[in-house]
Structures are given as C-alpha cells and as structure tokens.
C-alpha cells in the first residue's frame, strides 16, 4: 500500500511540473516586444528559449518558436536577426 501511495504521489508531482511548464511559455507578446533587429541568435534564445524548429538556406537561418496557432518566427543572416513575425500572441 505504501508503494502505491508513493507512486501516485510521484505521478502527481510529475503531472504538476508538466502543467506548470506548459503555462510558462516564452512565446508571448512581452517577449516579442523585447526582440530587436541586429540581435544575435544567442540573444534571441536568451529571451525565447530554444527554438522548436530551424532551417537554413543560402546563409539565411529561419527559426520558429511555438506552433502553428501561436508562434514567433525570426530570420537571421550573418549571425544577426533581420526580421521577426508573430502569430496568435494576443
């Protein structure tokens, strides 16, 4: 019985952590407003965290944070951010 209670408690703690993490998304209007052209990739990652997807074509790196419904996208050239766009933040 003690093992079962311990496993249930452990599962509840893990579930709580997942719920908290999902509510702490960095893909929001406040963080989008902090982004500026000329920032390095590392500076953008410091604000938004690791991107969910990146691709690179002919020296232009495009990264996306979030999903189709709610996202921030950035284009980098020569290691510096050139353009930003966002969808579904409000």
PDB file of N, CA and C in Angstrom:
ATOM      1  N   UNK A   1       0.820  -1.189   0.000  1.00  0.00           N
ATOM      2  CA  UNK A   1       0.000   0.000   0.000  1.00  0.00           C
ATOM      3  C   UNK A   1       0.867   1.258   0.000  1.00  0.00           C
ATOM      4  N   UNK A   2       1.957   1.232   0.783  1.00  0.00           N
ATOM      5  CA  UNK A   2       2.846   2.398   0.833  1.00  0.00           C
ATOM      6  C   UNK A   2       3.491   2.656  -0.519  1.00  0.00           C
ATOM      7  N   UNK A   3       3.839   1.567  -1.235  1.00  0.00           N
ATOM      8  CA  UNK A   3       4.438   1.719  -2.564  1.00  0.00           C
ATOM      9  C   UNK A   3       3.451   2.373  -3.524  1.00  0.00           C
ATOM     10  N   UNK A   4       2.196   1.981  -3.443  1.00  0.00           N
ATOM     11  CA  UNK A   4       1.168   2.540  -4.315  1.00  0.00           C
ATOM     12  C   UNK A   4       0.983   4.032  -4.033  1.00  0.00           C
ATOM     13  N   UNK A   5       0.932   4.406  -2.782  1.00  0.00           N
ATOM     14  CA  UNK A   5       0.782   5.818  -2.406  1.00  0.00           C
ATOM     15  C   UNK A   5       1.998   6.617  -2.879  1.00  0.00           C
ATOM     16  N   UNK A   6       3.179   6.035  -2.727  1.00  0.00           N
ATOM     17  CA  UNK A   6       4.396   6.699  -3.188  1.00  0.00           C
ATOM     18  C   UNK A   6       4.402   6.897  -4.695  1.00  0.00           C
ATOM     19  N   UNK A   7       3.961   5.914  -5.443  1.00  0.00           N
ATOM     20  CA  UNK A   7       3.905   6.023  -6.904  1.00  0.00           C
ATOM     21  C   UNK A   7       2.867   7.051  -7.339  1.00  0.00           C
ATOM     22  N   UNK A   8       1.723   7.069  -6.679  1.00  0.00           N
ATOM     23  CA  UNK A   8       0.687   8.049  -7.010  1.00  0.00           C
ATOM     24  C   UNK A   8       1.193   9.456  -6.712  1.00  0.00           C
ATOM     25  N   UNK A   9       1.849   9.641  -5.580  1.00  0.00           N
ATOM     26  CA  UNK A   9       2.394  10.954  -5.232  1.00  0.00           C
ATOM     27  C   UNK A   9       3.434  11.384  -6.250  1.00  0.00           C
ATOM     28  N   UNK A  10       4.293  10.479  -6.661  1.00  0.00           N
ATOM     29  CA  UNK A  10       5.312  10.783  -7.661  1.00  0.00           C
ATOM     30  C   UNK A  10       4.667  11.193  -8.983  1.00  0.00           C
ATOM     31  N   UNK A  11       3.640  10.459  -9.394  1.00  0.00           N
ATOM     32  CA  UNK A  11       2.937  10.775 -10.638  1.00  0.00           C
ATOM     33  C   UNK A  11       2.275  12.146 -10.558  1.00  0.00           C
ATOM     34  N   UNK A  12       1.707  12.476  -9.414  1.00  0.00           N
ATOM     35  CA  UNK A  12       1.078  13.793  -9.247  1.00  0.00           C
ATOM     36  C   UNK A  12       2.099  14.922  -9.305  1.00  0.00           C
ATOM     37  N   UNK A  13       3.260  14.706  -8.738  1.00  0.00           N
ATOM     38  CA  UNK A  13       4.318  15.720  -8.801  1.00  0.00           C
ATOM     39  C   UNK A  13       4.764  15.921 -10.245  1.00  0.00           C
ATOM     40  N   UNK A  14       4.971  14.840 -10.985  1.00  0.00           N
ATOM     41  CA  UNK A  14       5.360  14.957 -12.391  1.00  0.00           C
ATOM     42  C   UNK A  14       4.288  15.669 -13.208  1.00  0.00           C
ATOM     43  N   UNK A  15       3.047  15.330 -13.004  1.00  0.00           N
ATOM     44  CA  UNK A  15       1.948  15.971 -13.713  1.00  0.00           C
ATOM     45  C   UNK A  15       1.894  17.470 -13.395  1.00  0.00           C
ATOM     46  N   UNK A  16       2.085  17.815 -12.149  1.00  0.00           N
ATOM     47  CA  UNK A  16       2.085  19.224 -11.746  1.00  0.00           C
ATOM     48  C   UNK A  16       3.208  19.995 -12.423  1.00  0.00           C
ATOM     49  N   UNK A  17       4.376  19.398 -12.508  1.00  0.00           N
ATOM     50  CA  UNK A  17       5.504  20.053 -13.171  1.00  0.00           C
ATOM     51  C   UNK A  17       5.235  20.267 -14.651  1.00  0.00           C
ATOM     52  N   UNK A  18       4.616  19.305 -15.306  1.00  0.00           N
ATOM     53  CA  UNK A  18       4.286  19.450 -16.720  1.00  0.00           C
ATOM     54  C   UNK A  18       3.267  20.566 -16.937  1.00  0.00           C
ATOM     55  N   UNK A  19       2.287  20.655 -16.073  1.00  0.00           N
ATOM     56  CA  UNK A  19       1.277  21.705 -16.185  1.00  0.00           C
ATOM     57  C   UNK A  19       1.917  23.068 -15.969  1.00  0.00           C
ATOM     58  N   UNK A  20       2.764  23.185 -14.979  1.00  0.00           N
ATOM     59  CA  UNK A  20       3.447  24.456 -14.722  1.00  0.00           C
ATOM     60  C   UNK A  20       4.325  24.857 -15.893  1.00  0.00           C
ATOM     61  N   UNK A  21       5.038  23.909 -16.462  1.00  0.00           N
ATOM     62  CA  UNK A  21       5.921  24.205 -17.574  1.00  0.00           C
ATOM     63  C   UNK A  21       5.136  24.667 -18.791  1.00  0.00           C
ATOM     64  N   UNK A  22       4.011  24.064 -19.062  1.00  0.00           N
ATOM     65  CA  UNK A  22       3.227  24.461 -20.226  1.00  0.00           C
ATOM     66  C   UNK A  22       2.650  25.851 -20.059  1.00  0.00           C
ATOM     67  N   UNK A  23       2.418  26.289 -18.831  1.00  0.00           N
ATOM     68  CA  UNK A  23       1.897  27.628 -18.577  1.00  0.00           C
ATOM     69  C   UNK A  23       2.965  28.698 -18.601  1.00  0.00           C
ATOM     70  N   UNK A  24       4.212  28.326 -18.714  1.00  0.00           N
ATOM     71  CA  UNK A  24       5.316  29.279 -18.660  1.00  0.00           C
ATOM     72  C   UNK A  24       5.934  29.500 -20.032  1.00  0.00           C
ATOM     73  N   UNK A  25       5.136  29.462 -21.057  1.00  0.00           N
ATOM     74  CA  UNK A  25       5.652  29.635 -22.406  1.00  0.00           C
ATOM     75  C   UNK A  25       6.286  31.010 -22.567  1.00  0.00           C
ATOM     76  N   UNK A  26       7.411  31.030 -23.229  1.00  0.00           N
ATOM     77  CA  UNK A  26       8.081  32.293 -23.516  1.00  0.00           C
ATOM     78  C   UNK A  26       7.589  32.905 -24.819  1.00  0.00           C
ATOM     79  N   UNK A  27       6.670  32.213 -25.492  1.00  0.00           N
ATOM     80  CA  UNK A  27       6.093  32.724 -26.732  1.00  0.00           C
ATOM     81  C   UNK A  27       4.907  33.600 -26.343  1.00  0.00           C
ATOM     82  N   UNK A  28       5.204  34.876 -26.045  1.00  0.00           N
ATOM     83  CA  UNK A  28       4.174  35.815 -25.634  1.00  0.00           C
ATOM     84  C   UNK A  28       4.505  37.218 -26.155  1.00  0.00           C
ATOM     85  N   UNK A  29       3.545  38.106 -26.064  1.00  0.00           N
ATOM     86  CA  UNK A  29       3.697  39.459 -26.605  1.00  0.00           C
ATOM     87  C   UNK A  29       4.817  40.231 -25.915  1.00  0.00           C
ATOM     88  N   UNK A  30       4.953  40.075 -24.609  1.00  0.00           N
ATOM     89  CA  UNK A  30       6.011  40.798 -23.876  1.00  0.00           C
ATOM     90  C   UNK A  30       7.395  40.430 -24.399  1.00  0.00           C
ATOM     91  N   UNK A  31       7.641  39.144 -24.603  1.00  0.00           N
ATOM     92  CA  UNK A  31       8.946  38.724 -25.119  1.00  0.00           C
ATOM     93  C   UNK A  31       9.126  39.135 -26.573  1.00  0.00           C
ATOM     94  N   UNK A  32       8.057  39.069 -27.354  1.00  0.00           N
ATOM     95  CA  UNK A  32       8.151  39.513 -28.746  1.00  0.00           C
ATOM     96  C   UNK A  32       8.548  40.991 -28.809  1.00  0.00           C
ATOM     97  N   UNK A  33       7.985  41.792 -27.922  1.00  0.00           N
ATOM     98  CA  UNK A  33       8.298  43.225 -27.887  1.00  0.00           C
ATOM     99  C   UNK A  33       9.755  43.499 -27.503  1.00  0.00           C
ATOM    100  N   UNK A  34      10.417  42.567 -26.862  1.00  0.00           N
ATOM    101  CA  UNK A  34      11.824  42.728 -26.467  1.00  0.00           C
ATOM    102  C   UNK A  34      12.800  42.464 -27.610  1.00  0.00           C
ATOM    103  N   UNK A  35      12.333  41.812 -28.667  1.00  0.00           N
ATOM    104  CA  UNK A  35      13.205  41.439 -29.778  1.00  0.00           C
ATOM    105  C   UNK A  35      13.528  42.646 -30.652  1.00  0.00           C
ATOM    106  N   UNK A  36      14.778  42.713 -31.108  1.00  0.00           N
ATOM    107  CA  UNK A  36      15.221  43.820 -31.951  1.00  0.00           C
ATOM    108  C   UNK A  36      16.090  43.300 -33.091  1.00  0.00           C
ATOM    109  N   UNK A  37      15.947  43.938 -34.249  1.00  0.00           N
ATOM    110  CA  UNK A  37      16.833  43.604 -35.371  1.00  0.00           C
ATOM    111  C   UNK A  37      18.271  43.837 -34.945  1.00  0.00           C
ATOM    112  N   UNK A  38      19.142  42.965 -35.410  1.00  0.00           N
ATOM    113  CA  UNK A  38      20.554  43.071 -35.073  1.00  0.00           C
ATOM    114  C   UNK A  38      20.968  42.199 -33.902  1.00  0.00           C
ATOM    115  N   UNK A  39      19.992  41.684 -33.147  1.00  0.00           N
ATOM    116  CA  UNK A  39      20.331  40.780 -32.038  1.00  0.00           C
ATOM    117  C   UNK A  39      20.969  39.512 -32.590  1.00  0.00           C
ATOM    118  N   UNK A  40      21.862  38.951 -31.828  1.00  0.00           N
ATOM    119  CA  UNK A  40      22.455  37.676 -32.225  1.00  0.00           C
ATOM    120  C   UNK A  40      21.462  36.541 -31.949  1.00  0.00           C
ATOM    121  N   UNK A  41      21.716  35.403 -32.564  1.00  0.00           N
ATOM    122  CA  UNK A  41      20.899  34.211 -32.320  1.00  0.00           C
ATOM    123  C   UNK A  41      20.869  33.909 -30.824  1.00  0.00           C
ATOM    124  N   UNK A  42      22.021  34.000 -30.173  1.00  0.00           N
ATOM    125  CA  UNK A  42      22.119  33.694 -28.744  1.00  0.00           C
ATOM    126  C   UNK A  42      21.278  34.655 -27.913  1.00  0.00           C
ATOM    127  N   UNK A  43      21.227  35.937 -28.276  1.00  0.00           N
ATOM    128  CA  UNK A  43      20.413  36.903 -27.540  1.00  0.00           C
ATOM    129  C   UNK A  43      18.923  36.574 -27.672  1.00  0.00           C
ATOM    130  N   UNK A  44      18.510  36.170 -28.867  1.00  0.00           N
ATOM    131  CA  UNK A  44      17.116  35.800 -29.082  1.00  0.00           C
ATOM    132  C   UNK A  44      16.782  34.548 -28.277  1.00  0.00           C
ATOM    133  N   UNK A  45      17.680  33.576 -28.268  1.00  0.00           N
ATOM    134  CA  UNK A  45      17.468  32.350 -27.498  1.00  0.00           C
ATOM    135  C   UNK A  45      17.413  32.661 -26.003  1.00  0.00           C
ATOM    136  N   UNK A  46      18.172  33.623 -25.534  1.00  0.00           N
ATOM    137  CA  UNK A  46      18.102  34.020 -24.123  1.00  0.00           C
ATOM    138  C   UNK A  46      16.700  34.512 -23.762  1.00  0.00           C
ATOM    139  N   UNK A  47      16.027  35.157 -24.689  1.00  0.00           N
ATOM    140  CA  UNK A  47      14.681  35.678 -24.438  1.00  0.00           C
ATOM    141  C   UNK A  47      13.619  34.598 -24.622  1.00  0.00           C
ATOM    142  N   UNK A  48      13.696  33.842 -25.725  1.00  0.00           N
ATOM    143  CA  UNK A  48      12.629  32.905 -26.093  1.00  0.00           C
ATOM    144  C   UNK A  48      12.894  31.450 -25.736  1.00  0.00           C
ATOM    145  N   UNK A  49      14.126  31.116 -25.395  1.00  0.00           N
ATOM    146  CA  UNK A  49      14.475  29.724 -25.177  1.00  0.00           C
ATOM    147  C   UNK A  49      14.853  29.073 -26.499  1.00  0.00           C
ATOM    148  N   UNK A  50      15.102  27.792 -26.480  1.00  0.00           N
ATOM    149  CA  UNK A  50      15.494  27.074 -27.697  1.00  0.00           C
ATOM    150  C   UNK A  50      14.335  27.035 -28.694  1.00  0.00           C
ATOM    151  N   UNK A  51      14.629  27.245 -29.972  1.00  0.00           N
ATOM    152  CA  UNK A  51      13.551  27.213 -30.972  1.00  0.00           C
ATOM    153  C   UNK A  51      12.998  25.804 -31.145  1.00  0.00           C
ATOM    154  N   UNK A  52      11.754  25.747 -31.598  1.00  0.00           N
ATOM    155  CA  UNK A  52      11.123  24.466 -31.874  1.00  0.00           C
ATOM    156  C   UNK A  52      11.510  23.932 -33.244  1.00  0.00           C
ATOM    157  N   UNK A  53      11.934  24.836 -34.138  1.00  0.00           N
ATOM    158  CA  UNK A  53      12.327  24.416 -35.475  1.00  0.00           C
ATOM    159  C   UNK A  53      13.235  25.474 -36.088  1.00  0.00           C
ATOM    160  N   UNK A  54      14.257  25.043 -36.812  1.00  0.00           N
ATOM    161  CA  UNK A  54      15.139  25.942 -37.557  1.00  0.00           C
ATOM    162  C   UNK A  54      15.494  25.293 -38.894  1.00  0.00           C
ATOM    163  N   UNK A  55      15.666  26.134 -39.894  1.00  0.00           N
ATOM    164  CA  UNK A  55      16.158  25.667 -41.180  1.00  0.00           C
ATOM    165  C   UNK A  55      17.123  26.723 -41.715  1.00  0.00           C
ATOM    166  N   UNK A  56      17.995  26.302 -42.616  1.00  0.00           N
ATOM    167  CA  UNK A  56      18.976  27.225 -43.165  1.00  0.00           C
ATOM    168  C   UNK A  56      19.084  27.007 -44.666  1.00  0.00           C
ATOM    169  N   UNK A  57      18.975  28.113 -45.416  1.00  0.00           N
ATOM    170  CA  UNK A  57      19.087  28.079 -46.864  1.00  0.00           C
ATOM    171  C   UNK A  57      19.915  29.272 -47.305  1.00  0.00           C
ATOM    172  N   UNK A  58      20.994  29.005 -48.009  1.00  0.00           N
ATOM    173  CA  UNK A  58      21.855  30.043 -48.579  1.00  0.00           C
ATOM    174  C   UNK A  58      22.260  31.120 -47.569  1.00  0.00           C
ATOM    175  N   UNK A  59      22.641  30.682 -46.374  1.00  0.00           N
ATOM    176  CA  UNK A  59      23.138  31.608 -45.356  1.00  0.00           C
ATOM    177  C   UNK A  59      22.064  32.318 -44.553  1.00  0.00           C
ATOM    178  N   UNK A  60      20.799  32.030 -44.830  1.00  0.00           N
ATOM    179  CA  UNK A  60      19.702  32.621 -44.058  1.00  0.00           C
ATOM    180  C   UNK A  60      19.117  31.536 -43.163  1.00  0.00           C
ATOM    181  N   UNK A  61      19.139  31.787 -41.861  1.00  0.00           N
ATOM    182  CA  UNK A  61      18.611  30.835 -40.885  1.00  0.00           C
ATOM    183  C   UNK A  61      17.238  31.332 -40.437  1.00  0.00           C
ATOM    184  N   UNK A  62      16.234  30.460 -40.538  1.00  0.00           N
ATOM    185  CA  UNK A  62      14.874  30.791 -40.116  1.00  0.00           C
ATOM    186  C   UNK A  62      14.490  29.881 -38.959  1.00  0.00           C
ATOM    187  N   UNK A  63      14.037  30.486 -37.864  1.00  0.00           N
ATOM    188  CA  UNK A  63      13.671  29.705 -36.683  1.00  0.00           C
ATOM    189  C   UNK A  63      12.264  30.057 -36.231  1.00  0.00           C
ATOM    190  N   UNK A  64      11.597  29.059 -35.656  1.00  0.00           N
ATOM    191  CA  UNK A  64      10.244  29.227 -35.142  1.00  0.00           C
ATOM    192  C   UNK A  64      10.179  28.748 -33.706  1.00  0.00           C
ATOM    193  N   UNK A  65       9.514  29.554 -32.881  1.00  0.00           N
ATOM    194  CA  UNK A  65       9.213  29.203 -31.505  1.00  0.00           C
ATOM    195  C   UNK A  65       7.703  29.070 -31.401  1.00  0.00           C
ATOM    196  N   UNK A  66       7.211  27.964 -30.875  1.00  0.00           N
ATOM    197  CA  UNK A  66       5.774  27.761 -30.745  1.00  0.00           C
ATOM    198  C   UNK A  66       5.246  26.825 -31.800  1.00  0.00           C
ATOM    199  N   UNK A  67       3.938  26.945 -32.082  1.00  0.00           N
ATOM    200  CA  UNK A  67       3.282  26.062 -33.046  1.00  0.00           C
ATOM    201  C   UNK A  67       2.534  26.896 -34.085  1.00  0.00           C
ATOM    202  N   UNK A  68       1.720  26.254 -34.902  1.00  0.00           N
ATOM    203  CA  UNK A  68       1.013  26.974 -35.970  1.00  0.00           C
ATOM    204  C   UNK A  68       0.051  28.022 -35.431  1.00  0.00           C
ATOM    205  N   UNK A  69      -0.573  27.755 -34.298  1.00  0.00           N
ATOM    206  CA  UNK A  69      -1.571  28.661 -33.748  1.00  0.00           C
ATOM    207  C   UNK A  69      -0.945  29.847 -33.008  1.00  0.00           C
ATOM    208  N   UNK A  70       0.194  29.632 -32.389  1.00  0.00           N
ATOM    209  CA  UNK A  70       0.827  30.666 -31.553  1.00  0.00           C
ATOM    210  C   UNK A  70       2.334  30.546 -31.740  1.00  0.00           C
ATOM    211  N   UNK A  71       2.936  31.549 -32.391  1.00  0.00           N
ATOM    212  CA  UNK A  71       4.367  31.419 -32.672  1.00  0.00           C
ATOM    213  C   UNK A  71       5.060  32.760 -32.835  1.00  0.00           C
ATOM    214  N   UNK A  72       6.365  32.679 -32.743  1.00  0.00           N
ATOM    215  CA  UNK A  72       7.266  33.777 -33.081  1.00  0.00           C
ATOM    216  C   UNK A  72       8.281  33.197 -34.053  1.00  0.00           C
ATOM    217  N   UNK A  73       8.505  33.921 -35.140  1.00  0.00           N
ATOM    218  CA  UNK A  73       9.475  33.488 -36.147  1.00  0.00           C
ATOM    219  C   UNK A  73      10.547  34.555 -36.286  1.00  0.00           C
ATOM    220  N   UNK A  74      11.777  34.098 -36.542  1.00  0.00           N
ATOM    221  CA  UNK A  74      12.890  35.020 -36.722  1.00  0.00           C
ATOM    222  C   UNK A  74      13.743  34.571 -37.885  1.00  0.00           C
ATOM    223  N   UNK A  75      14.254  35.547 -38.638  1.00  0.00           N
ATOM    224  CA  UNK A  75      15.180  35.283 -39.724  1.00  0.00           C
ATOM    225  C   UNK A  75      16.536  35.887 -39.397  1.00  0.00           C
ATOM    226  N   UNK A  76      17.580  35.088 -39.524  1.00  0.00           N
ATOM    227  CA  UNK A  76      18.941  35.514 -39.195  1.00  0.00           C
ATOM    228  C   UNK A  76      19.813  35.464 -40.439  1.00  0.00           C
ATOM    229  N   UNK A  77      20.646  36.472 -40.586  1.00  0.00           N
ATOM    230  CA  UNK A  77      21.609  36.485 -41.685  1.00  0.00           C
ATOM    231  C   UNK A  77      22.916  37.020 -41.141  1.00  0.00           C
ATOM    232  N   UNK A  78      23.994  36.301 -41.404  1.00  0.00           N
ATOM    233  CA  UNK A  78      25.286  36.708 -40.871  1.00  0.00           C
ATOM    234  C   UNK A  78      25.328  36.704 -39.357  1.00  0.00           C
ATOM    235  N   UNK A  79      24.514  35.840 -38.733  1.00  0.00           N
ATOM    236  CA  UNK A  79      24.503  35.724 -37.279  1.00  0.00           C
ATOM    237  C   UNK A  79      23.654  36.755 -36.568  1.00  0.00           C
ATOM    238  N   UNK A  80      23.003  37.662 -37.315  1.00  0.00           N
ATOM    239  CA  UNK A  80      22.185  38.705 -36.697  1.00  0.00           C
ATOM    240  C   UNK A  80      20.732  38.576 -37.145  1.00  0.00           C
ATOM    241  N   UNK A  81      19.814  38.867 -36.236  1.00  0.00           N
ATOM    242  CA  UNK A  81      18.396  38.833 -36.558  1.00  0.00           C
ATOM    243  C   UNK A  81      18.060  39.965 -37.513  1.00  0.00           C
ATOM    244  N   UNK A  82      17.353  39.629 -38.571  1.00  0.00           N
ATOM    245  CA  UNK A  82      16.964  40.635 -39.559  1.00  0.00           C
ATOM    246  C   UNK A  82      15.474  40.950 -39.474  1.00  0.00           C
ATOM    247  N   UNK A  83      14.634  39.935 -39.331  1.00  0.00           N
ATOM    248  CA  UNK A  83      13.182  40.127 -39.289  1.00  0.00           C
ATOM    249  C   UNK A  83      12.557  39.223 -38.234  1.00  0.00           C
ATOM    250  N   UNK A  84      11.450  39.700 -37.692  1.00  0.00           N
ATOM    251  CA  UNK A  84      10.648  38.931 -36.736  1.00  0.00           C
ATOM    252  C   UNK A  84       9.192  39.004 -37.182  1.00  0.00           C
ATOM    253  N   UNK A  85       8.443  37.944 -36.885  1.00  0.00           N
ATOM    254  CA  UNK A  85       6.994  37.965 -37.088  1.00  0.00           C
ATOM    255  C   UNK A  85       6.375  37.121 -35.985  1.00  0.00           C
ATOM    256  N   UNK A  86       5.094  37.379 -35.733  1.00  0.00           N
ATOM    257  CA  UNK A  86       4.402  36.641 -34.686  1.00  0.00           C
ATOM    258  C   UNK A  86       2.970  36.382 -35.114  1.00  0.00           C
ATOM    259  N   UNK A  87       2.387  35.329 -34.542  1.00  0.00           N
ATOM    260  CA  UNK A  87       1.011  34.980 -34.837  1.00  0.00           C
ATOM    261  C   UNK A  87       0.357  34.424 -33.577  1.00  0.00           C
ATOM    262  N   UNK A  88      -0.872  34.875 -33.298  1.00  0.00           N
ATOM    263  CA  UNK A  88      -1.653  34.315 -32.206  1.00  0.00           C
ATOM    264  C   UNK A  88      -1.202  34.672 -30.820  1.00  0.00           C
ATOM    265  N   UNK A  89      -0.475  35.758 -30.635  1.00  0.00           N
ATOM    266  CA  UNK A  89       0.039  36.089 -29.315  1.00  0.00           C
ATOM    267  C   UNK A  89      -0.993  36.748 -28.401  1.00  0.00           C
ATOM    268  N   UNK A  90      -1.986  37.408 -28.961  1.00  0.00           N
ATOM    269  CA  UNK A  90      -2.953  38.125 -28.122  1.00  0.00           C
ATOM    270  C   UNK A  90      -4.205  37.351 -27.895  1.00  0.00           C
TER     271      UNK A  90
END
